[in-house]
Amino acid sequence: MSLDHILTPRAYLTVFFMLLVLTAVTVYVAFIDFGAWSTPVAMAIAIIKATLVLLYFMHLRYSDGLTWLVIVSSFIMLVALVLITLGDVFTRTMTTAPPALGM
């Protein structure tokens, strides 16, 4: 890794304050009822915050191609596992409890 990607303190502070603002937005949004959209809105804010941390504080923005390949393939695997799990959950049918024996 070369040292040409060293960020200035101003860049770190900018990202830090962006994270603080997004945290305040998260708290504000938690008190608003979006109905079925509450979870997607919270997840979108969390994904934005996680992306900022990954790109700037973990220096992934300036990583080489192999690192990006690992990140993208891990994300694809995560999506595949979530889709497989959702496919299983949504295709199940509700069953009733079996009758108690001997009563």
C-alpha atoms as a PDB file:
ATOM      1  CA  MET A   1       0.000   0.000   0.000  1.00  0.00           C
ATOM      2  CA  SER A   2       1.388   3.364  -0.909  1.00  0.00           C
ATOM      3  CA  LEU A   3       1.204   6.407   1.302  1.00  0.00           C
ATOM      4  CA  ASP A   4      -0.331   8.687  -1.321  1.00  0.00           C
ATOM      5  CA  HIS A   5      -3.831   8.130   0.050  1.00  0.00           C
ATOM      6  CA  ILE A   6      -3.277   9.616   3.504  1.00  0.00           C
ATOM      7  CA  LEU A   7      -6.293  11.752   4.302  1.00  0.00           C
ATOM      8  CA  THR A   8      -6.109  15.143   5.902  1.00  0.00           C
ATOM      9  CA  PRO A   9      -7.561  15.750   9.349  1.00  0.00           C
ATOM     10  CA  ARG A  10     -10.200  17.909   7.644  1.00  0.00           C
ATOM     11  CA  ALA A  11     -11.412  14.890   5.637  1.00  0.00           C
ATOM     12  CA  TYR A  12     -11.635  12.775   8.783  1.00  0.00           C
ATOM     13  CA  LEU A  13     -13.534  15.511  10.597  1.00  0.00           C
ATOM     14  CA  THR A  14     -15.911  15.945   7.664  1.00  0.00           C
ATOM     15  CA  VAL A  15     -16.729  12.240   7.649  1.00  0.00           C
ATOM     16  CA  PHE A  16     -17.024  12.270  11.453  1.00  0.00           C
ATOM     17  CA  PHE A  17     -19.523  15.124  11.390  1.00  0.00           C
ATOM     18  CA  MET A  18     -21.449  13.433   8.590  1.00  0.00           C
ATOM     19  CA  LEU A  19     -21.702  10.360  10.805  1.00  0.00           C
ATOM     20  CA  LEU A  20     -22.894  12.519  13.698  1.00  0.00           C
ATOM     21  CA  VAL A  21     -25.564  14.127  11.507  1.00  0.00           C
ATOM     22  CA  LEU A  22     -26.694  10.733  10.238  1.00  0.00           C
ATOM     23  CA  THR A  23     -26.870   9.466  13.821  1.00  0.00           C
ATOM     24  CA  ALA A  24     -29.063  12.439  14.733  1.00  0.00           C
ATOM     25  CA  VAL A  25     -31.234  11.690  11.692  1.00  0.00           C
ATOM     26  CA  THR A  26     -31.499   8.077  12.853  1.00  0.00           C
ATOM     27  CA  VAL A  27     -32.697   9.176  16.288  1.00  0.00           C
ATOM     28  CA  TYR A  28     -35.140  11.663  14.758  1.00  0.00           C
ATOM     29  CA  VAL A  29     -36.529   9.096  12.321  1.00  0.00           C
ATOM     30  CA  ALA A  30     -36.986   6.572  15.143  1.00  0.00           C
ATOM     31  CA  PHE A  31     -39.731   8.762  16.610  1.00  0.00           C
ATOM     32  CA  ILE A  32     -41.624   9.109  13.313  1.00  0.00           C
ATOM     33  CA  ASP A  33     -44.075   6.407  12.262  1.00  0.00           C
ATOM     34  CA  PHE A  34     -43.441   5.469   8.636  1.00  0.00           C
ATOM     35  CA  GLY A  35     -45.546   2.338   8.894  1.00  0.00           C
ATOM     36  CA  ALA A  36     -44.060  -0.435   6.801  1.00  0.00           C
ATOM     37  CA  TRP A  37     -41.257   1.898   5.664  1.00  0.00           C
ATOM     38  CA  SER A  38     -39.722   2.339   9.144  1.00  0.00           C
ATOM     39  CA  THR A  39     -37.290  -0.542   8.789  1.00  0.00           C
ATOM     40  CA  PRO A  40     -36.178   0.254   5.205  1.00  0.00           C
ATOM     41  CA  VAL A  41     -35.550   3.911   6.151  1.00  0.00           C
ATOM     42  CA  ALA A  42     -33.507   2.884   9.206  1.00  0.00           C
ATOM     43  CA  MET A  43     -31.575   0.331   7.145  1.00  0.00           C
ATOM     44  CA  ALA A  44     -30.835   2.885   4.424  1.00  0.00           C
ATOM     45  CA  ILE A  45     -29.358   5.293   6.968  1.00  0.00           C
ATOM     46  CA  ALA A  46     -27.348   2.455   8.546  1.00  0.00           C
ATOM     47  CA  ILE A  47     -25.998   1.396   5.147  1.00  0.00           C
ATOM     48  CA  ILE A  48     -24.902   4.957   4.383  1.00  0.00           C
ATOM     49  CA  LYS A  49     -23.115   5.208   7.734  1.00  0.00           C
ATOM     50  CA  ALA A  50     -21.459   1.804   7.275  1.00  0.00           C
ATOM     51  CA  THR A  51     -20.317   2.801   3.798  1.00  0.00           C
ATOM     52  CA  LEU A  52     -18.694   5.971   5.120  1.00  0.00           C
ATOM     53  CA  VAL A  53     -16.868   4.020   7.819  1.00  0.00           C
ATOM     54  CA  LEU A  54     -15.704   1.366   5.365  1.00  0.00           C
ATOM     55  CA  LEU A  55     -14.530   3.813   2.715  1.00  0.00           C
ATOM     56  CA  TYR A  56     -12.766   6.390   4.852  1.00  0.00           C
ATOM     57  CA  PHE A  57     -11.892   5.021   8.292  1.00  0.00           C
ATOM     58  CA  MET A  58     -10.962   1.575   6.962  1.00  0.00           C
ATOM     59  CA  HIS A  59      -9.286   3.103   3.852  1.00  0.00           C
ATOM     60  CA  LEU A  60     -11.165   0.878   1.415  1.00  0.00           C
ATOM     61  CA  ARG A  61     -11.623   3.769  -0.979  1.00  0.00           C
ATOM     62  CA  TYR A  62      -7.951   3.564  -1.874  1.00  0.00           C
ATOM     63  CA  SER A  63      -7.566  -0.233  -1.822  1.00  0.00           C
ATOM     64  CA  ASP A  64      -6.390  -2.344  -4.711  1.00  0.00           C
ATOM     65  CA  GLY A  65      -8.562  -4.493  -6.971  1.00  0.00           C
ATOM     66  CA  LEU A  66      -8.161  -7.718  -4.991  1.00  0.00           C
ATOM     67  CA  THR A  67      -9.582  -6.103  -1.870  1.00  0.00           C
ATOM     68  CA  TRP A  68     -12.579  -4.829  -3.843  1.00  0.00           C
ATOM     69  CA  LEU A  69     -13.067  -8.300  -5.305  1.00  0.00           C
ATOM     70  CA  VAL A  70     -13.272  -9.757  -1.792  1.00  0.00           C
ATOM     71  CA  ILE A  71     -15.693  -7.030  -0.677  1.00  0.00           C
ATOM     72  CA  VAL A  72     -17.989  -7.438  -3.680  1.00  0.00           C
ATOM     73  CA  SER A  73     -17.974 -11.233  -3.513  1.00  0.00           C
ATOM     74  CA  SER A  74     -18.756 -11.113   0.217  1.00  0.00           C
ATOM     75  CA  PHE A  75     -21.662  -8.775  -0.435  1.00  0.00           C
ATOM     76  CA  ILE A  76     -22.984 -11.041  -3.206  1.00  0.00           C
ATOM     77  CA  MET A  77     -22.778 -14.015  -0.835  1.00  0.00           C
ATOM     78  CA  LEU A  78     -24.645 -12.072   1.847  1.00  0.00           C
ATOM     79  CA  VAL A  79     -27.419 -11.176  -0.617  1.00  0.00           C
ATOM     80  CA  ALA A  80     -27.646 -14.798  -1.759  1.00  0.00           C
ATOM     81  CA  LEU A  81     -27.977 -16.086   1.810  1.00  0.00           C
ATOM     82  CA  VAL A  82     -30.639 -13.491   2.647  1.00  0.00           C
ATOM     83  CA  LEU A  83     -32.607 -14.343  -0.501  1.00  0.00           C
ATOM     84  CA  ILE A  84     -32.419 -18.072   0.235  1.00  0.00           C
ATOM     85  CA  THR A  85     -33.625 -17.459   3.787  1.00  0.00           C
ATOM     86  CA  LEU A  86     -36.462 -15.199   2.614  1.00  0.00           C
ATOM     87  CA  GLY A  87     -37.465 -17.785   0.024  1.00  0.00           C
ATOM     88  CA  ASP A  88     -37.741 -20.370   2.780  1.00  0.00           C
ATOM     89  CA  VAL A  89     -39.685 -18.076   5.110  1.00  0.00           C
ATOM     90  CA  PHE A  90     -42.179 -16.885   2.504  1.00  0.00           C
ATOM     91  CA  THR A  91     -42.986 -20.374   1.179  1.00  0.00           C
ATOM     92  CA  ARG A  92     -43.869 -21.908   4.538  1.00  0.00           C
ATOM     93  CA  THR A  93     -47.459 -22.544   5.478  1.00  0.00           C
ATOM     94  CA  MET A  94     -48.918 -22.012   8.919  1.00  0.00           C
ATOM     95  CA  THR A  95     -49.693 -25.249  10.712  1.00  0.00           C
ATOM     96  CA  THR A  96     -51.652 -25.863  13.842  1.00  0.00           C
ATOM     97  CA  ALA A  97     -50.182 -27.526  16.872  1.00  0.00           C
ATOM     98  CA  PRO A  98     -50.748 -31.285  17.032  1.00  0.00           C
ATOM     99  CA  PRO A  99     -53.312 -32.446  19.584  1.00  0.00           C
ATOM    100  CA  ALA A 100     -51.963 -33.343  22.993  1.00  0.00           C
ATOM    101  CA  LEU A 101     -51.614 -37.093  23.507  1.00  0.00           C
ATOM    102  CA  GLY A 102     -53.157 -38.820  26.500  1.00  0.00           C
ATOM    103  CA  MET A 103     -55.279 -35.953  27.700  1.00  0.00           C
END
